[in-house]
């Protein structure tokens, strides 16, 4: 085995070999730098796409949550509206505060033969008060109707003869006892 070792004070450098080695090192270094830059660029692009996609998803999620809040608000408004209507209706049904059919039944029983209801007004605001216009075929039938309605706080507003019939406007108060109370 041969050992080559230069112990000279001024060593001789092989310039060609030195240049080739430096060139190869520069080429490899440049290749590694460019490979690193390329990888970094591709990773950056991928992360940017993911970042943009995440932003888009967040915007969509925010829009959906806003839509959901608006929808919930609208549903609550509709529920409140219907709750009021349902409560009012249930109060009418359960309490029978305005038993119109019973009042009409009483009027039908009271009316003598030959006396007809021309117009009737029942109102929840007026309570037991009923305003009606009746027509009778004769004045005696009209007087008979007055006598029957007299026990219901009869108030006669006006009388007139119209097309051969005796017509009058009157107010009565019919109190109906509720079955539930």
N, C-alpha and C. Protein backbone atom coordinates (compact mmCIF):
# COMPACT_ATOMS: atom_id res chain seq x y z
N UNK A 1 0.82 -1.16 0.00
CA UNK A 1 0.00 0.00 0.00
C UNK A 1 0.88 1.24 0.00
N UNK A 2 0.46 2.13 -0.81
CA UNK A 2 1.25 3.32 -1.04
C UNK A 2 0.55 4.50 -0.38
N UNK A 3 1.24 5.24 0.43
CA UNK A 3 0.66 6.41 1.08
C UNK A 3 1.22 7.63 0.42
N UNK A 4 0.32 8.50 0.03
CA UNK A 4 0.73 9.76 -0.58
C UNK A 4 0.45 10.87 0.41
N UNK A 5 1.44 11.49 0.76
CA UNK A 5 1.28 12.59 1.69
C UNK A 5 2.28 13.65 1.33
N UNK A 6 1.76 14.81 1.10
CA UNK A 6 2.64 15.90 0.68
C UNK A 6 3.01 16.70 1.92
N UNK A 7 4.28 16.66 2.27
CA UNK A 7 4.73 17.40 3.43
C UNK A 7 5.53 18.63 3.04
N UNK A 8 5.35 19.04 1.83
CA UNK A 8 6.08 20.20 1.33
C UNK A 8 5.54 21.45 1.98
N UNK A 9 6.44 22.42 2.06
CA UNK A 9 6.04 23.68 2.63
C UNK A 9 5.07 24.39 1.71
N UNK A 10 5.26 24.43 0.51
CA UNK A 10 4.36 25.02 -0.46
C UNK A 10 3.76 23.88 -1.24
N UNK A 11 2.54 23.60 -0.87
CA UNK A 11 1.88 22.46 -1.49
C UNK A 11 1.36 22.88 -2.84
N UNK A 12 1.39 21.97 -3.74
CA UNK A 12 0.90 22.20 -5.08
C UNK A 12 -0.55 21.75 -5.16
N UNK A 13 -1.42 22.61 -5.64
CA UNK A 13 -2.84 22.29 -5.73
C UNK A 13 -3.15 21.96 -7.17
N UNK A 14 -3.89 20.87 -7.32
CA UNK A 14 -4.35 20.50 -8.65
C UNK A 14 -5.56 21.38 -8.97
N UNK A 15 -5.35 22.34 -9.82
CA UNK A 15 -6.36 23.35 -10.11
C UNK A 15 -7.57 22.76 -10.83
N UNK A 16 -7.34 21.86 -11.71
CA UNK A 16 -8.46 21.27 -12.47
C UNK A 16 -9.38 20.49 -11.53
N UNK A 17 -8.78 19.68 -10.69
CA UNK A 17 -9.57 18.92 -9.76
C UNK A 17 -10.31 19.85 -8.79
N UNK A 18 -9.66 20.92 -8.34
CA UNK A 18 -10.28 21.89 -7.44
C UNK A 18 -11.48 22.57 -8.11
N UNK A 19 -11.33 22.97 -9.35
CA UNK A 19 -12.40 23.64 -10.08
C UNK A 19 -13.57 22.68 -10.29
N UNK A 20 -13.27 21.44 -10.65
CA UNK A 20 -14.33 20.46 -10.87
C UNK A 20 -15.08 20.21 -9.56
N UNK A 21 -14.35 20.09 -8.45
CA UNK A 21 -14.97 19.84 -7.15
C UNK A 21 -15.84 21.03 -6.73
N UNK A 22 -15.33 22.23 -6.89
CA UNK A 22 -16.12 23.42 -6.55
C UNK A 22 -17.35 23.51 -7.44
N UNK A 23 -17.17 23.23 -8.72
CA UNK A 23 -18.30 23.28 -9.65
C UNK A 23 -19.36 22.26 -9.24
N UNK A 24 -18.93 21.02 -8.93
CA UNK A 24 -19.88 19.99 -8.54
C UNK A 24 -20.60 20.37 -7.23
N UNK A 25 -19.84 20.90 -6.28
CA UNK A 25 -20.46 21.36 -5.04
C UNK A 25 -21.46 22.49 -5.30
N UNK A 26 -21.14 23.41 -6.17
CA UNK A 26 -22.04 24.52 -6.51
C UNK A 26 -23.29 23.98 -7.21
N UNK A 27 -23.12 23.02 -8.11
CA UNK A 27 -24.27 22.44 -8.81
C UNK A 27 -25.19 21.73 -7.83
N UNK A 28 -24.57 20.89 -6.95
CA UNK A 28 -25.40 20.19 -5.97
C UNK A 28 -26.09 21.16 -5.01
N UNK A 29 -25.33 22.17 -4.56
CA UNK A 29 -25.92 23.16 -3.66
C UNK A 29 -27.07 23.89 -4.35
N UNK A 30 -26.87 24.30 -5.59
CA UNK A 30 -27.93 24.98 -6.34
C UNK A 30 -29.13 24.07 -6.53
N UNK A 31 -28.88 22.81 -6.82
CA UNK A 31 -29.98 21.85 -7.01
C UNK A 31 -30.77 21.71 -5.71
N UNK A 32 -30.06 21.58 -4.58
CA UNK A 32 -30.76 21.48 -3.29
C UNK A 32 -31.54 22.75 -2.96
N UNK A 33 -30.93 23.91 -3.26
CA UNK A 33 -31.62 25.18 -3.00
C UNK A 33 -32.86 25.29 -3.86
N UNK A 34 -32.75 24.99 -5.15
CA UNK A 34 -33.91 25.07 -6.04
C UNK A 34 -34.98 24.03 -5.66
N UNK A 35 -34.54 22.82 -5.27
CA UNK A 35 -35.50 21.79 -4.84
C UNK A 35 -36.23 22.27 -3.58
N UNK A 36 -35.50 22.87 -2.66
CA UNK A 36 -36.11 23.39 -1.43
C UNK A 36 -37.09 24.52 -1.73
N UNK A 37 -36.68 25.44 -2.62
CA UNK A 37 -37.56 26.55 -3.00
C UNK A 37 -38.82 26.05 -3.70
N UNK A 38 -38.65 25.05 -4.57
CA UNK A 38 -39.79 24.49 -5.28
C UNK A 38 -40.75 23.82 -4.28
N UNK A 39 -40.21 23.02 -3.37
CA UNK A 39 -41.05 22.35 -2.36
C UNK A 39 -41.74 23.38 -1.47
N UNK A 40 -41.01 24.40 -1.06
CA UNK A 40 -41.58 25.45 -0.22
C UNK A 40 -42.70 26.18 -0.96
N UNK A 41 -42.49 26.46 -2.24
CA UNK A 41 -43.50 27.13 -3.06
C UNK A 41 -44.76 26.26 -3.19
N UNK A 42 -44.56 24.96 -3.47
CA UNK A 42 -45.72 24.07 -3.61
C UNK A 42 -46.48 23.94 -2.29
N UNK A 43 -45.76 23.83 -1.19
CA UNK A 43 -46.40 23.74 0.13
C UNK A 43 -47.15 25.04 0.42
N UNK A 44 -46.53 26.15 0.08
CA UNK A 44 -47.17 27.45 0.31
C UNK A 44 -48.46 27.56 -0.51
N UNK A 45 -48.42 27.13 -1.77
CA UNK A 45 -49.62 27.17 -2.60
C UNK A 45 -50.72 26.28 -2.02
N UNK A 46 -50.31 25.06 -1.57
CA UNK A 46 -51.30 24.14 -1.00
C UNK A 46 -51.91 24.73 0.27
N UNK A 47 -51.07 25.31 1.12
CA UNK A 47 -51.59 25.92 2.34
C UNK A 47 -52.46 27.13 2.01
N UNK A 48 -52.11 27.87 0.98
CA UNK A 48 -52.93 29.03 0.60
C UNK A 48 -54.30 28.56 0.10
N UNK A 49 -54.31 27.48 -0.70
CA UNK A 49 -55.59 26.93 -1.15
C UNK A 49 -56.42 26.47 0.04
N UNK A 50 -55.78 25.77 0.97
CA UNK A 50 -56.50 25.30 2.15
C UNK A 50 -57.00 26.48 2.99
N UNK A 51 -56.17 27.52 3.09
CA UNK A 51 -56.55 28.72 3.83
C UNK A 51 -57.76 29.39 3.18
N UNK A 52 -57.72 29.52 1.84
CA UNK A 52 -58.84 30.12 1.12
C UNK A 52 -60.10 29.27 1.27
N UNK A 53 -59.93 27.97 1.20
CA UNK A 53 -61.07 27.07 1.35
C UNK A 53 -61.64 27.19 2.77
N UNK A 54 -60.78 27.28 3.76
CA UNK A 54 -61.21 27.44 5.15
C UNK A 54 -61.96 28.76 5.34
N UNK A 55 -61.45 29.83 4.71
CA UNK A 55 -62.14 31.13 4.77
C UNK A 55 -63.54 31.01 4.16
N UNK A 56 -63.60 30.36 3.01
CA UNK A 56 -64.89 30.19 2.32
C UNK A 56 -65.86 29.39 3.19
N UNK A 57 -65.37 28.33 3.83
CA UNK A 57 -66.22 27.52 4.70
C UNK A 57 -66.68 28.32 5.90
N UNK A 58 -65.79 29.13 6.46
CA UNK A 58 -66.16 29.97 7.60
C UNK A 58 -67.24 30.97 7.19
N UNK A 59 -67.08 31.58 6.01
CA UNK A 59 -68.10 32.53 5.54
C UNK A 59 -69.44 31.82 5.36
N UNK A 60 -69.40 30.63 4.76
CA UNK A 60 -70.64 29.87 4.58
C UNK A 60 -71.25 29.51 5.93
N UNK A 61 -70.41 29.10 6.88
CA UNK A 61 -70.91 28.75 8.22
C UNK A 61 -71.51 29.98 8.89
N UNK A 62 -70.87 31.14 8.75
CA UNK A 62 -71.42 32.38 9.32
C UNK A 62 -72.75 32.73 8.68
N UNK A 63 -72.82 32.61 7.35
CA UNK A 63 -74.08 32.88 6.66
C UNK A 63 -75.18 31.93 7.12
N UNK A 64 -74.83 30.65 7.25
CA UNK A 64 -75.82 29.67 7.70
C UNK A 64 -76.29 29.98 9.12
N UNK A 65 -75.35 30.37 9.99
CA UNK A 65 -75.75 30.67 11.36
C UNK A 65 -76.62 31.93 11.40
N UNK A 66 -76.32 32.93 10.56
CA UNK A 66 -77.17 34.12 10.48
C UNK A 66 -78.55 33.76 9.95
N UNK A 67 -78.59 32.92 8.91
CA UNK A 67 -79.88 32.48 8.37
C UNK A 67 -80.66 31.71 9.43
N UNK A 68 -79.95 30.88 10.19
CA UNK A 68 -80.61 30.10 11.23
C UNK A 68 -81.18 31.03 12.31
N UNK A 69 -80.42 32.05 12.70
CA UNK A 69 -80.91 33.01 13.70
C UNK A 69 -82.14 33.75 13.18
N UNK A 70 -82.08 34.20 11.91
CA UNK A 70 -83.24 34.87 11.32
C UNK A 70 -84.44 33.93 11.27
N UNK A 71 -84.20 32.70 10.88
CA UNK A 71 -85.27 31.72 10.80
C UNK A 71 -85.88 31.49 12.18
N UNK A 72 -85.03 31.35 13.20
CA UNK A 72 -85.53 31.15 14.56
C UNK A 72 -86.35 32.36 15.02
N UNK A 73 -85.88 33.58 14.68
CA UNK A 73 -86.61 34.78 15.05
C UNK A 73 -87.98 34.80 14.38
N UNK A 74 -88.00 34.46 13.09
CA UNK A 74 -89.27 34.43 12.36
C UNK A 74 -90.22 33.39 12.95
N UNK A 75 -89.67 32.22 13.28
CA UNK A 75 -90.49 31.16 13.86
C UNK A 75 -91.06 31.61 15.20
N UNK A 76 -90.25 32.29 16.00
CA UNK A 76 -90.73 32.77 17.31
C UNK A 76 -91.83 33.81 17.13
N UNK A 77 -91.69 34.69 16.13
CA UNK A 77 -92.74 35.68 15.86
C UNK A 77 -94.04 34.98 15.48
N UNK A 78 -93.93 34.00 14.59
CA UNK A 78 -95.12 33.27 14.14
C UNK A 78 -95.74 32.50 15.32
N UNK A 79 -94.88 31.88 16.14
CA UNK A 79 -95.40 31.16 17.30
C UNK A 79 -96.14 32.10 18.24
N UNK A 80 -95.55 33.27 18.50
CA UNK A 80 -96.19 34.23 19.41
C UNK A 80 -97.54 34.68 18.85
N UNK A 81 -97.57 34.94 17.55
CA UNK A 81 -98.82 35.36 16.91
C UNK A 81 -99.89 34.29 17.06
N UNK A 82 -99.52 33.04 16.76
CA UNK A 82 -100.49 31.96 16.84
C UNK A 82 -100.86 31.63 18.28
N UNK A 83 -99.91 31.81 19.22
CA UNK A 83 -100.24 31.57 20.62
C UNK A 83 -101.32 32.52 21.09
N UNK A 84 -101.21 33.80 20.68
CA UNK A 84 -102.24 34.77 21.05
C UNK A 84 -103.59 34.38 20.47
N UNK A 85 -103.58 33.99 19.19
CA UNK A 85 -104.84 33.60 18.55
C UNK A 85 -105.43 32.35 19.20
N UNK A 86 -104.57 31.39 19.48
CA UNK A 86 -105.04 30.14 20.09
C UNK A 86 -105.55 30.41 21.50
N UNK A 87 -104.85 31.26 22.25
CA UNK A 87 -105.30 31.59 23.60
C UNK A 87 -106.67 32.26 23.56
N UNK A 88 -106.83 33.22 22.65
CA UNK A 88 -108.12 33.89 22.53
C UNK A 88 -109.22 32.89 22.19
N UNK A 89 -108.95 32.03 21.22
CA UNK A 89 -109.94 31.03 20.81
C UNK A 89 -110.25 30.07 21.94
N UNK A 90 -109.22 29.61 22.62
CA UNK A 90 -109.45 28.69 23.75
C UNK A 90 -110.23 29.35 24.87
N UNK A 91 -109.94 30.64 25.11
CA UNK A 91 -110.71 31.36 26.12
C UNK A 91 -112.18 31.43 25.73
N UNK A 92 -112.45 31.67 24.45
CA UNK A 92 -113.84 31.71 24.00
C UNK A 92 -114.52 30.36 24.16
N UNK A 93 -113.78 29.32 23.79
CA UNK A 93 -114.36 27.97 23.84
C UNK A 93 -114.53 27.52 25.29
N UNK A 94 -113.47 27.63 26.08
CA UNK A 94 -113.52 27.11 27.44
C UNK A 94 -114.44 27.94 28.33
N UNK A 95 -114.33 29.25 28.24
CA UNK A 95 -115.13 30.09 29.10
C UNK A 95 -116.52 30.36 28.58
N UNK A 96 -116.71 30.10 27.32
CA UNK A 96 -117.97 30.42 26.65
C UNK A 96 -118.40 31.83 27.04
N UNK A 97 -117.49 32.74 26.82
CA UNK A 97 -117.73 34.13 27.20
C UNK A 97 -118.84 34.77 26.39
N UNK A 98 -119.01 34.32 25.16
CA UNK A 98 -120.02 34.91 24.28
C UNK A 98 -120.87 33.78 23.68
N UNK A 99 -121.80 33.26 24.44
CA UNK A 99 -122.61 32.14 23.96
C UNK A 99 -123.70 32.63 22.99
N UNK A 100 -123.28 32.94 21.77
CA UNK A 100 -124.19 33.51 20.77
C UNK A 100 -125.34 32.57 20.43
N UNK A 101 -125.03 31.30 20.27
CA UNK A 101 -126.09 30.37 19.87
C UNK A 101 -127.19 30.26 20.93
N UNK A 102 -126.80 30.32 22.19
CA UNK A 102 -127.82 30.26 23.25
C UNK A 102 -128.69 31.51 23.21
N UNK A 103 -128.06 32.66 22.97
CA UNK A 103 -128.83 33.91 22.88
C UNK A 103 -129.80 33.86 21.72
N UNK A 104 -129.33 33.37 20.58
CA UNK A 104 -130.21 33.26 19.41
C UNK A 104 -131.34 32.27 19.67
N UNK A 105 -131.04 31.20 20.40
CA UNK A 105 -132.08 30.22 20.76
C UNK A 105 -133.16 30.85 21.63
N UNK A 106 -132.75 31.68 22.58
CA UNK A 106 -133.72 32.36 23.46
C UNK A 106 -134.59 33.30 22.64
N UNK A 107 -133.96 34.06 21.73
CA UNK A 107 -134.74 34.99 20.89
C UNK A 107 -135.73 34.23 20.04
N UNK A 108 -135.32 33.09 19.50
CA UNK A 108 -136.21 32.29 18.67
C UNK A 108 -137.41 31.78 19.47
N UNK A 109 -137.18 31.40 20.71
CA UNK A 109 -138.28 30.92 21.56
C UNK A 109 -139.24 32.05 21.93
N UNK A 110 -138.68 33.27 22.13
CA UNK A 110 -139.50 34.40 22.58
C UNK A 110 -140.36 34.97 21.45
N UNK A 111 -139.84 35.01 20.24
CA UNK A 111 -140.55 35.66 19.14
C UNK A 111 -141.91 35.01 18.90
N UNK A 112 -142.98 35.79 18.92
CA UNK A 112 -144.31 35.23 18.62
C UNK A 112 -144.47 34.99 17.12
N UNK A 113 -145.44 34.22 16.77
CA UNK A 113 -145.74 33.96 15.36
C UNK A 113 -146.18 35.27 14.72
N UNK A 114 -145.65 35.57 13.55
CA UNK A 114 -146.00 36.80 12.84
C UNK A 114 -145.00 37.92 13.09
N UNK A 115 -143.96 37.65 13.88
CA UNK A 115 -142.91 38.63 14.13
C UNK A 115 -141.60 38.02 13.62
N UNK A 116 -140.87 38.81 12.85
CA UNK A 116 -139.66 38.31 12.20
C UNK A 116 -138.47 39.22 12.53
N UNK A 117 -137.32 38.61 12.62
CA UNK A 117 -136.09 39.39 12.83
C UNK A 117 -135.61 39.86 11.47
N UNK A 118 -135.49 41.18 11.32
CA UNK A 118 -135.01 41.77 10.07
C UNK A 118 -133.48 41.90 10.10
N UNK A 119 -132.95 42.34 11.24
CA UNK A 119 -131.50 42.49 11.40
C UNK A 119 -131.18 42.31 12.87
N UNK A 120 -130.05 41.64 13.14
CA UNK A 120 -129.64 41.43 14.53
C UNK A 120 -128.14 41.71 14.64
N UNK A 121 -127.74 42.33 15.75
CA UNK A 121 -126.33 42.65 15.98
C UNK A 121 -125.93 42.11 17.34
N UNK A 122 -125.00 41.17 17.33
CA UNK A 122 -124.41 40.62 18.55
C UNK A 122 -122.95 41.05 18.56
N UNK A 123 -122.49 41.54 19.69
CA UNK A 123 -121.12 42.02 19.74
C UNK A 123 -120.45 41.56 21.02
N UNK A 124 -119.19 41.16 20.92
CA UNK A 124 -118.46 40.73 22.11
C UNK A 124 -118.20 41.91 23.03
N UNK A 125 -118.00 43.12 22.46
CA UNK A 125 -117.74 44.30 23.27
C UNK A 125 -118.96 44.73 24.07
N UNK A 126 -120.12 44.49 23.52
CA UNK A 126 -121.37 44.93 24.16
C UNK A 126 -121.83 43.93 25.22
N UNK A 127 -121.21 42.77 25.28
CA UNK A 127 -121.58 41.78 26.29
C UNK A 127 -122.96 41.21 26.04
N UNK A 128 -123.86 41.33 27.03
CA UNK A 128 -125.19 40.71 26.89
C UNK A 128 -126.15 41.54 26.03
N UNK A 129 -125.74 42.73 25.61
CA UNK A 129 -126.64 43.61 24.86
C UNK A 129 -126.79 43.13 23.41
N UNK A 130 -128.03 43.09 22.96
CA UNK A 130 -128.36 42.68 21.59
C UNK A 130 -129.20 43.79 20.97
N UNK A 131 -128.80 44.22 19.78
CA UNK A 131 -129.57 45.23 19.05
C UNK A 131 -130.19 44.51 17.86
N UNK A 132 -131.50 44.72 17.66
CA UNK A 132 -132.14 44.06 16.52
C UNK A 132 -133.30 44.89 15.98
N UNK A 133 -133.56 44.64 14.73
CA UNK A 133 -134.71 45.25 14.06
C UNK A 133 -135.68 44.12 13.77
N UNK A 134 -136.93 44.29 14.26
CA UNK A 134 -137.93 43.25 14.02
C UNK A 134 -139.07 43.83 13.19
N UNK A 135 -139.72 42.95 12.45
CA UNK A 135 -140.90 43.32 11.66
C UNK A 135 -142.07 42.46 12.11
N UNK A 136 -143.25 43.10 12.22
CA UNK A 136 -144.46 42.37 12.63
C UNK A 136 -145.54 42.62 11.60
N UNK A 137 -146.41 41.62 11.43
CA UNK A 137 -147.48 41.74 10.44
C UNK A 137 -148.58 42.67 10.91
N UNK A 138 -148.69 42.86 12.23
CA UNK A 138 -149.73 43.76 12.75
C UNK A 138 -149.19 44.43 14.02
N UNK A 139 -149.88 45.49 14.42
CA UNK A 139 -149.46 46.20 15.62
C UNK A 139 -149.70 45.36 16.86
N UNK A 140 -150.71 44.49 16.83
CA UNK A 140 -150.97 43.61 17.99
C UNK A 140 -149.82 42.60 18.16
N UNK A 141 -149.31 42.08 17.07
CA UNK A 141 -148.17 41.16 17.13
C UNK A 141 -146.93 41.89 17.65
N UNK A 142 -146.79 43.15 17.26
CA UNK A 142 -145.67 43.96 17.74
C UNK A 142 -145.78 44.17 19.24
N UNK A 143 -146.99 44.45 19.72
CA UNK A 143 -147.20 44.64 21.16
C UNK A 143 -146.93 43.33 21.92
N UNK A 144 -147.31 42.20 21.33
CA UNK A 144 -147.05 40.90 21.93
C UNK A 144 -145.54 40.67 22.06
N UNK A 145 -144.77 41.05 21.02
CA UNK A 145 -143.31 40.93 21.07
C UNK A 145 -142.73 41.83 22.15
N UNK A 146 -143.28 43.07 22.27
CA UNK A 146 -142.81 43.98 23.33
C UNK A 146 -143.02 43.37 24.70
N UNK A 147 -144.18 42.79 24.90
CA UNK A 147 -144.47 42.22 26.22
C UNK A 147 -143.54 41.04 26.53
N UNK A 148 -143.21 40.23 25.53
CA UNK A 148 -142.32 39.09 25.76
C UNK A 148 -140.87 39.54 25.99
N UNK A 149 -140.46 40.61 25.29
CA UNK A 149 -139.09 41.12 25.45
C UNK A 149 -138.94 42.04 26.66
N UNK A 150 -140.03 42.42 27.29
CA UNK A 150 -139.97 43.38 28.39
C UNK A 150 -139.15 42.87 29.58
N UNK A 151 -139.11 41.56 29.81
CA UNK A 151 -138.34 41.04 30.94
C UNK A 151 -136.83 41.02 30.65
N UNK A 152 -136.43 41.42 29.45
CA UNK A 152 -135.01 41.47 29.07
C UNK A 152 -134.51 42.91 28.92
N UNK A 153 -134.99 43.82 29.78
CA UNK A 153 -134.58 45.24 29.76
C UNK A 153 -134.79 45.85 28.38
N UNK A 154 -135.96 45.80 27.89
CA UNK A 154 -136.32 46.27 26.56
C UNK A 154 -136.17 47.79 26.45
N UNK A 155 -135.48 48.23 25.40
CA UNK A 155 -135.39 49.65 25.08
C UNK A 155 -135.79 49.78 23.61
N UNK A 156 -136.90 50.51 23.37
CA UNK A 156 -137.40 50.70 22.01
C UNK A 156 -136.80 52.00 21.48
N UNK A 157 -136.13 51.92 20.34
CA UNK A 157 -135.48 53.11 19.81
C UNK A 157 -136.35 53.83 18.79
N UNK A 158 -136.91 53.10 17.85
CA UNK A 158 -137.80 53.77 16.89
C UNK A 158 -138.75 52.75 16.29
N UNK A 159 -139.90 53.27 15.93
CA UNK A 159 -140.92 52.44 15.28
C UNK A 159 -141.28 53.11 13.96
N UNK A 160 -141.63 52.29 12.97
CA UNK A 160 -142.05 52.84 11.68
C UNK A 160 -142.88 51.78 10.96
N UNK A 161 -143.70 52.26 10.04
CA UNK A 161 -144.47 51.35 9.20
C UNK A 161 -143.78 51.36 7.84
N UNK A 162 -143.44 50.17 7.34
CA UNK A 162 -142.66 50.08 6.11
C UNK A 162 -143.21 48.94 5.28
N UNK A 163 -143.69 49.24 4.10
CA UNK A 163 -144.23 48.26 3.15
C UNK A 163 -145.27 47.34 3.79
N UNK A 164 -146.16 47.92 4.57
CA UNK A 164 -147.25 47.15 5.17
C UNK A 164 -146.87 46.41 6.44
N UNK A 165 -145.62 46.49 6.86
CA UNK A 165 -145.18 45.82 8.08
C UNK A 165 -144.84 46.88 9.14
N UNK A 166 -144.98 46.49 10.38
CA UNK A 166 -144.59 47.36 11.48
C UNK A 166 -143.15 46.99 11.86
N UNK A 167 -142.26 47.95 11.70
CA UNK A 167 -140.84 47.69 11.95
C UNK A 167 -140.38 48.54 13.13
N UNK A 168 -139.54 47.94 13.97
CA UNK A 168 -139.01 48.67 15.13
C UNK A 168 -137.58 48.24 15.41
N UNK A 169 -136.84 49.17 15.98
CA UNK A 169 -135.47 48.89 16.41
C UNK A 169 -135.49 48.85 17.93
N UNK A 170 -134.93 47.78 18.48
CA UNK A 170 -134.92 47.67 19.93
C UNK A 170 -133.63 47.06 20.44
N UNK A 171 -133.34 47.35 21.72
CA UNK A 171 -132.19 46.78 22.42
C UNK A 171 -132.71 45.94 23.57
N UNK A 172 -132.08 44.77 23.73
CA UNK A 172 -132.41 43.92 24.88
C UNK A 172 -131.10 43.40 25.47
N UNK A 173 -131.19 42.93 26.70
CA UNK A 173 -130.02 42.33 27.36
C UNK A 173 -130.41 40.92 27.78
N UNK A 174 -129.69 39.97 27.19
CA UNK A 174 -129.95 38.57 27.53
C UNK A 174 -128.70 38.03 28.23
N UNK A 175 -128.84 37.70 29.50
CA UNK A 175 -127.76 37.11 30.28
C UNK A 175 -127.90 35.60 30.16
N UNK A 176 -126.84 34.94 29.72
CA UNK A 176 -126.85 33.49 29.58
C UNK A 176 -125.86 32.95 30.61
N UNK A 177 -126.32 32.01 31.40
CA UNK A 177 -125.44 31.40 32.40
C UNK A 177 -124.53 30.40 31.70
N UNK A 178 -123.25 30.48 32.02
CA UNK A 178 -122.30 29.53 31.44
C UNK A 178 -122.41 28.20 32.17
N UNK A 179 -122.35 27.13 31.40
CA UNK A 179 -122.43 25.80 31.97
C UNK A 179 -121.17 25.45 32.74
N UNK A 180 -120.02 26.03 32.31
CA UNK A 180 -118.74 25.67 32.92
C UNK A 180 -118.50 26.39 34.25
N UNK A 181 -119.19 27.50 34.48
CA UNK A 181 -118.91 28.29 35.69
C UNK A 181 -119.73 27.85 36.84
